[in-house]
Amino acid sequence: MSWLEPVLVIGGILVAGFVAVWLFQRSLDQPGGRAGLGTGGNGLGLVENMFSPGRGDAREELDRQKKAGAVLPSADDEPPRTDAVFDDEGQLRSVTLRRVQRPTGD
């Protein structure tokens, strides 16, 4: 019986671990189950900035660029020319946008 006890204990721990992971995965699928998972996303950011400030600054700049909005056309840009193609029933089939080329001042 001396070899059976450690096997049962190890088996119990493994089964408990699998059940815990299974229940955790099921809880993530519930509505709101993933809320708050990203709160500690950059917990070591200060350590990174202390030991490698250039790398930390570069990562922050990349994050800023990802969050930046699209570049808007300037006010003096001409609107693009639109060509729309309709089928026999009057449904829109395709739209082609072409930018009008400005003549060069040569």
N, C-alpha and C. Protein backbone atom coordinates (compact mmCIF):
# COMPACT_ATOMS: atom_id res chain seq x y z
N MET A 1 0.81 -1.19 0.00
CA MET A 1 0.00 0.00 0.00
C MET A 1 0.87 1.26 0.00
N SER A 2 2.14 1.14 0.19
CA SER A 2 3.02 2.31 0.26
C SER A 2 3.19 2.98 -1.10
N TRP A 3 3.14 2.26 -2.19
CA TRP A 3 3.30 2.89 -3.51
C TRP A 3 1.98 3.43 -4.03
N LEU A 4 0.85 2.99 -3.49
CA LEU A 4 -0.46 3.41 -3.96
C LEU A 4 -0.82 4.82 -3.49
N GLU A 5 -0.40 5.19 -2.29
CA GLU A 5 -0.75 6.49 -1.75
C GLU A 5 -0.17 7.65 -2.58
N PRO A 6 1.13 7.64 -2.93
CA PRO A 6 1.64 8.75 -3.75
C PRO A 6 0.99 8.80 -5.14
N VAL A 7 0.69 7.65 -5.71
CA VAL A 7 0.03 7.63 -7.03
C VAL A 7 -1.35 8.26 -6.92
N LEU A 8 -2.09 7.92 -5.86
CA LEU A 8 -3.42 8.51 -5.68
C LEU A 8 -3.34 10.02 -5.43
N VAL A 9 -2.36 10.45 -4.66
CA VAL A 9 -2.21 11.88 -4.37
C VAL A 9 -1.87 12.64 -5.65
N ILE A 10 -0.89 12.13 -6.41
CA ILE A 10 -0.49 12.79 -7.66
C ILE A 10 -1.66 12.78 -8.65
N GLY A 11 -2.36 11.66 -8.74
CA GLY A 11 -3.53 11.59 -9.63
C GLY A 11 -4.61 12.57 -9.21
N GLY A 12 -4.84 12.70 -7.92
CA GLY A 12 -5.84 13.66 -7.42
C GLY A 12 -5.46 15.09 -7.74
N ILE A 13 -4.18 15.41 -7.59
CA ILE A 13 -3.71 16.76 -7.90
C ILE A 13 -3.89 17.06 -9.39
N LEU A 14 -3.54 16.09 -10.24
CA LEU A 14 -3.70 16.28 -11.69
C LEU A 14 -5.16 16.45 -12.08
N VAL A 15 -6.03 15.62 -11.52
CA VAL A 15 -7.46 15.73 -11.82
C VAL A 15 -8.00 17.08 -11.34
N ALA A 16 -7.61 17.51 -10.14
CA ALA A 16 -8.05 18.81 -9.62
C ALA A 16 -7.55 19.94 -10.51
N GLY A 17 -6.33 19.84 -11.01
CA GLY A 17 -5.79 20.85 -11.91
C GLY A 17 -6.55 20.92 -13.22
N PHE A 18 -6.84 19.76 -13.81
CA PHE A 18 -7.60 19.73 -15.06
C PHE A 18 -9.01 20.29 -14.87
N VAL A 19 -9.65 19.96 -13.76
CA VAL A 19 -10.99 20.48 -13.49
C VAL A 19 -10.94 21.99 -13.30
N ALA A 20 -9.92 22.49 -12.61
CA ALA A 20 -9.80 23.94 -12.39
C ALA A 20 -9.60 24.68 -13.71
N VAL A 21 -8.75 24.16 -14.59
CA VAL A 21 -8.52 24.80 -15.89
C VAL A 21 -9.80 24.75 -16.72
N TRP A 22 -10.50 23.62 -16.69
CA TRP A 22 -11.74 23.47 -17.45
C TRP A 22 -12.79 24.47 -16.97
N LEU A 23 -12.93 24.63 -15.66
CA LEU A 23 -13.90 25.58 -15.13
C LEU A 23 -13.50 27.02 -15.46
N PHE A 24 -12.21 27.31 -15.41
CA PHE A 24 -11.75 28.66 -15.75
C PHE A 24 -12.04 28.97 -17.21
N GLN A 25 -11.78 28.04 -18.11
CA GLN A 25 -12.08 28.25 -19.52
C GLN A 25 -13.57 28.47 -19.75
N ARG A 26 -14.39 27.72 -19.06
CA ARG A 26 -15.84 27.89 -19.19
C ARG A 26 -16.27 29.26 -18.68
N SER A 27 -15.63 29.76 -17.63
CA SER A 27 -16.00 31.07 -17.11
C SER A 27 -15.63 32.19 -18.07
N LEU A 28 -14.59 31.99 -18.89
CA LEU A 28 -14.22 33.01 -19.86
C LEU A 28 -15.26 33.13 -20.97
N ASP A 29 -15.98 32.06 -21.25
CA ASP A 29 -16.99 32.08 -22.31
C ASP A 29 -18.29 32.74 -21.89
N GLN A 30 -18.47 32.99 -20.62
CA GLN A 30 -19.69 33.63 -20.13
C GLN A 30 -19.66 35.11 -20.51
N PRO A 31 -20.83 35.76 -20.61
CA PRO A 31 -20.85 37.20 -20.89
C PRO A 31 -20.07 37.98 -19.83
N GLY A 32 -19.15 38.78 -20.25
CA GLY A 32 -18.32 39.55 -19.34
C GLY A 32 -17.20 38.75 -18.72
N GLY A 33 -16.97 37.55 -19.19
CA GLY A 33 -15.94 36.69 -18.59
C GLY A 33 -14.53 37.16 -18.85
N ARG A 34 -14.31 37.91 -19.92
CA ARG A 34 -12.97 38.39 -20.24
C ARG A 34 -12.74 39.83 -19.79
N ALA A 35 -13.71 40.42 -19.15
CA ALA A 35 -13.58 41.81 -18.69
C ALA A 35 -12.51 41.89 -17.61
N GLY A 36 -11.62 42.84 -17.74
CA GLY A 36 -10.59 43.05 -16.74
C GLY A 36 -9.35 42.19 -16.90
N LEU A 37 -9.27 41.39 -17.96
CA LEU A 37 -8.08 40.55 -18.11
C LEU A 37 -6.85 41.35 -18.53
N GLY A 38 -7.05 42.49 -19.18
CA GLY A 38 -5.91 43.26 -19.65
C GLY A 38 -5.48 44.37 -18.71
N THR A 39 -5.96 44.38 -17.48
CA THR A 39 -5.63 45.48 -16.58
C THR A 39 -4.17 45.48 -16.16
N GLY A 40 -3.55 44.33 -16.04
CA GLY A 40 -2.15 44.27 -15.63
C GLY A 40 -1.23 44.03 -16.81
N GLY A 41 -1.63 44.48 -17.99
CA GLY A 41 -0.88 44.18 -19.20
C GLY A 41 0.54 44.69 -19.20
N ASN A 42 0.78 45.87 -18.64
CA ASN A 42 2.13 46.41 -18.67
C ASN A 42 2.61 46.62 -17.23
N GLY A 43 2.53 45.58 -16.43
CA GLY A 43 2.93 45.68 -15.04
C GLY A 43 4.42 45.89 -14.86
N LEU A 44 5.22 45.43 -15.80
CA LEU A 44 6.67 45.58 -15.71
C LEU A 44 7.18 46.71 -16.60
N GLY A 45 6.30 47.60 -17.02
CA GLY A 45 6.71 48.69 -17.89
C GLY A 45 7.74 49.61 -17.25
N LEU A 46 7.61 49.86 -15.95
CA LEU A 46 8.57 50.72 -15.28
C LEU A 46 9.95 50.07 -15.21
N VAL A 47 9.98 48.76 -15.02
CA VAL A 47 11.26 48.06 -14.99
C VAL A 47 11.92 48.13 -16.35
N GLU A 48 11.13 47.98 -17.42
CA GLU A 48 11.68 48.07 -18.77
C GLU A 48 12.23 49.48 -19.03
N ASN A 49 11.51 50.51 -18.60
CA ASN A 49 11.99 51.87 -18.81
C ASN A 49 13.25 52.16 -18.00
N MET A 50 13.42 51.49 -16.85
CA MET A 50 14.59 51.73 -16.03
C MET A 50 15.84 51.11 -16.65
N PHE A 51 15.73 49.87 -17.14
CA PHE A 51 16.90 49.18 -17.65
C PHE A 51 17.14 49.42 -19.14
N SER A 52 16.11 49.75 -19.88
CA SER A 52 16.26 50.00 -21.31
C SER A 52 15.31 51.13 -21.72
N PRO A 53 15.67 52.38 -21.43
CA PRO A 53 14.74 53.48 -21.68
C PRO A 53 14.41 53.67 -23.16
N GLY A 54 15.37 53.42 -24.03
CA GLY A 54 15.10 53.57 -25.46
C GLY A 54 14.06 52.59 -25.95
N ARG A 55 14.16 51.36 -25.48
CA ARG A 55 13.19 50.34 -25.89
C ARG A 55 11.81 50.65 -25.35
N GLY A 56 11.74 51.12 -24.11
CA GLY A 56 10.46 51.49 -23.53
C GLY A 56 9.82 52.65 -24.27
N ASP A 57 10.63 53.65 -24.62
CA ASP A 57 10.10 54.79 -25.38
C ASP A 57 9.61 54.36 -26.76
N ALA A 58 10.35 53.45 -27.40
CA ALA A 58 9.94 52.97 -28.72
C ALA A 58 8.63 52.20 -28.63
N ARG A 59 8.47 51.39 -27.59
CA ARG A 59 7.22 50.64 -27.43
C ARG A 59 6.05 51.59 -27.20
N GLU A 60 6.26 52.63 -26.39
CA GLU A 60 5.19 53.59 -26.16
C GLU A 60 4.82 54.34 -27.43
N GLU A 61 5.82 54.68 -28.24
CA GLU A 61 5.54 55.37 -29.50
C GLU A 61 4.78 54.48 -30.47
N LEU A 62 5.13 53.19 -30.51
CA LEU A 62 4.38 52.26 -31.36
C LEU A 62 2.94 52.12 -30.89
N ASP A 63 2.72 52.10 -29.59
CA ASP A 63 1.36 52.06 -29.07
C ASP A 63 0.58 53.31 -29.44
N ARG A 64 1.24 54.48 -29.38
CA ARG A 64 0.59 55.73 -29.77
C ARG A 64 0.22 55.72 -31.25
N GLN A 65 1.12 55.19 -32.10
CA GLN A 65 0.84 55.14 -33.53
C GLN A 65 -0.30 54.19 -33.85
N LYS A 66 -0.42 53.10 -33.09
CA LYS A 66 -1.54 52.17 -33.31
C LYS A 66 -2.87 52.83 -32.98
N LYS A 67 -2.87 53.70 -31.97
CA LYS A 67 -4.10 54.34 -31.54
C LYS A 67 -4.42 55.61 -32.32
N ALA A 68 -3.50 56.07 -33.17
CA ALA A 68 -3.70 57.31 -33.92
C ALA A 68 -4.79 57.11 -34.97
N GLY A 69 -5.49 58.17 -35.27
CA GLY A 69 -6.54 58.11 -36.27
C GLY A 69 -5.97 58.18 -37.68
N ALA A 70 -6.85 58.03 -38.64
CA ALA A 70 -6.44 58.07 -40.04
C ALA A 70 -6.09 59.51 -40.43
N VAL A 71 -5.21 59.65 -41.39
CA VAL A 71 -4.82 60.96 -41.88
C VAL A 71 -5.94 61.50 -42.76
N LEU A 72 -6.38 62.70 -42.46
CA LEU A 72 -7.45 63.31 -43.24
C LEU A 72 -6.88 64.10 -44.40
N PRO A 73 -7.61 64.17 -45.51
CA PRO A 73 -7.11 64.97 -46.62
C PRO A 73 -7.14 66.45 -46.26
N SER A 74 -6.25 67.21 -46.86
CA SER A 74 -6.21 68.64 -46.56
C SER A 74 -7.36 69.34 -47.28
N ALA A 75 -7.62 70.57 -46.87
CA ALA A 75 -8.76 71.31 -47.41
C ALA A 75 -8.58 71.64 -48.88
N ASP A 76 -7.35 71.78 -49.37
CA ASP A 76 -7.14 72.14 -50.77
C ASP A 76 -7.10 70.94 -51.71
N ASP A 77 -7.23 69.71 -51.17
CA ASP A 77 -7.31 68.53 -52.04
C ASP A 77 -8.65 68.51 -52.76
N GLU A 78 -8.60 68.12 -54.01
CA GLU A 78 -9.84 68.01 -54.78
C GLU A 78 -10.52 66.69 -54.41
N PRO A 79 -11.85 66.68 -54.40
CA PRO A 79 -12.53 65.44 -54.10
C PRO A 79 -12.31 64.41 -55.21
N PRO A 80 -12.28 63.15 -54.89
CA PRO A 80 -12.07 62.14 -55.92
C PRO A 80 -13.30 62.02 -56.83
N ARG A 81 -13.05 61.62 -58.07
CA ARG A 81 -14.13 61.39 -59.02
C ARG A 81 -14.70 60.01 -58.76
N THR A 82 -16.00 59.89 -58.76
CA THR A 82 -16.66 58.63 -58.45
C THR A 82 -17.35 58.10 -59.69
N ASP A 83 -17.10 56.85 -60.03
CA ASP A 83 -17.81 56.18 -61.12
C ASP A 83 -18.60 55.03 -60.50
N ALA A 84 -19.92 55.07 -60.63
CA ALA A 84 -20.78 54.03 -60.08
C ALA A 84 -21.38 53.22 -61.22
N VAL A 85 -21.46 51.90 -61.05
CA VAL A 85 -22.04 51.01 -62.05
C VAL A 85 -23.27 50.35 -61.43
N PHE A 86 -24.41 50.45 -62.13
CA PHE A 86 -25.65 49.86 -61.66
C PHE A 86 -26.06 48.75 -62.60
N ASP A 87 -26.76 47.73 -62.08
CA ASP A 87 -27.26 46.66 -62.94
C ASP A 87 -28.65 47.02 -63.47
N ASP A 88 -29.30 46.09 -64.19
CA ASP A 88 -30.59 46.35 -64.82
C ASP A 88 -31.69 46.65 -63.81
N GLU A 89 -31.57 46.12 -62.59
CA GLU A 89 -32.58 46.34 -61.57
C GLU A 89 -32.34 47.60 -60.76
N GLY A 90 -31.31 48.32 -61.06
CA GLY A 90 -31.01 49.55 -60.35
C GLY A 90 -30.18 49.35 -59.10
N GLN A 91 -29.66 48.14 -58.88
CA GLN A 91 -28.83 47.87 -57.72
C GLN A 91 -27.38 48.29 -58.02
N LEU A 92 -26.74 48.87 -57.04
CA LEU A 92 -25.36 49.28 -57.18
C LEU A 92 -24.46 48.05 -57.28
N ARG A 93 -23.63 47.98 -58.32
CA ARG A 93 -22.75 46.82 -58.50
C ARG A 93 -21.32 47.14 -58.10
N SER A 94 -20.82 48.31 -58.46
CA SER A 94 -19.46 48.66 -58.09
C SER A 94 -19.29 50.17 -58.09
N VAL A 95 -18.32 50.62 -57.32
CA VAL A 95 -17.98 52.04 -57.25
C VAL A 95 -16.47 52.15 -57.40
N THR A 96 -16.03 53.03 -58.27
CA THR A 96 -14.60 53.25 -58.48
C THR A 96 -14.29 54.69 -58.12
N LEU A 97 -13.32 54.88 -57.25
CA LEU A 97 -12.89 56.22 -56.85
C LEU A 97 -11.56 56.52 -57.53
N ARG A 98 -11.53 57.63 -58.24
CA ARG A 98 -10.29 58.04 -58.90
C ARG A 98 -9.97 59.47 -58.49
N ARG A 99 -8.73 59.69 -58.13
CA ARG A 99 -8.32 61.04 -57.79
C ARG A 99 -7.95 61.77 -59.07
N VAL A 100 -8.46 62.99 -59.20
CA VAL A 100 -8.19 63.78 -60.38
C VAL A 100 -6.75 64.27 -60.30
N GLN A 101 -5.99 64.03 -61.36
CA GLN A 101 -4.59 64.47 -61.40
C GLN A 101 -4.52 65.95 -61.69
N ARG A 102 -3.79 66.66 -60.88
CA ARG A 102 -3.59 68.09 -61.12
C ARG A 102 -2.52 68.28 -62.18
N PRO A 103 -2.70 69.25 -63.02
CA PRO A 103 -1.65 69.53 -64.02
C PRO A 103 -0.41 70.09 -63.31
N THR A 104 0.72 69.64 -63.75
CA THR A 104 1.96 70.15 -63.17
C THR A 104 2.29 71.50 -63.75
N GLY A 105 2.98 72.30 -63.01
CA GLY A 105 3.31 73.66 -63.43
C GLY A 105 4.58 73.75 -64.25
N ASP A 106 4.82 72.79 -65.15
CA ASP A 106 6.04 72.81 -65.97
C ASP A 106 5.97 73.84 -67.05
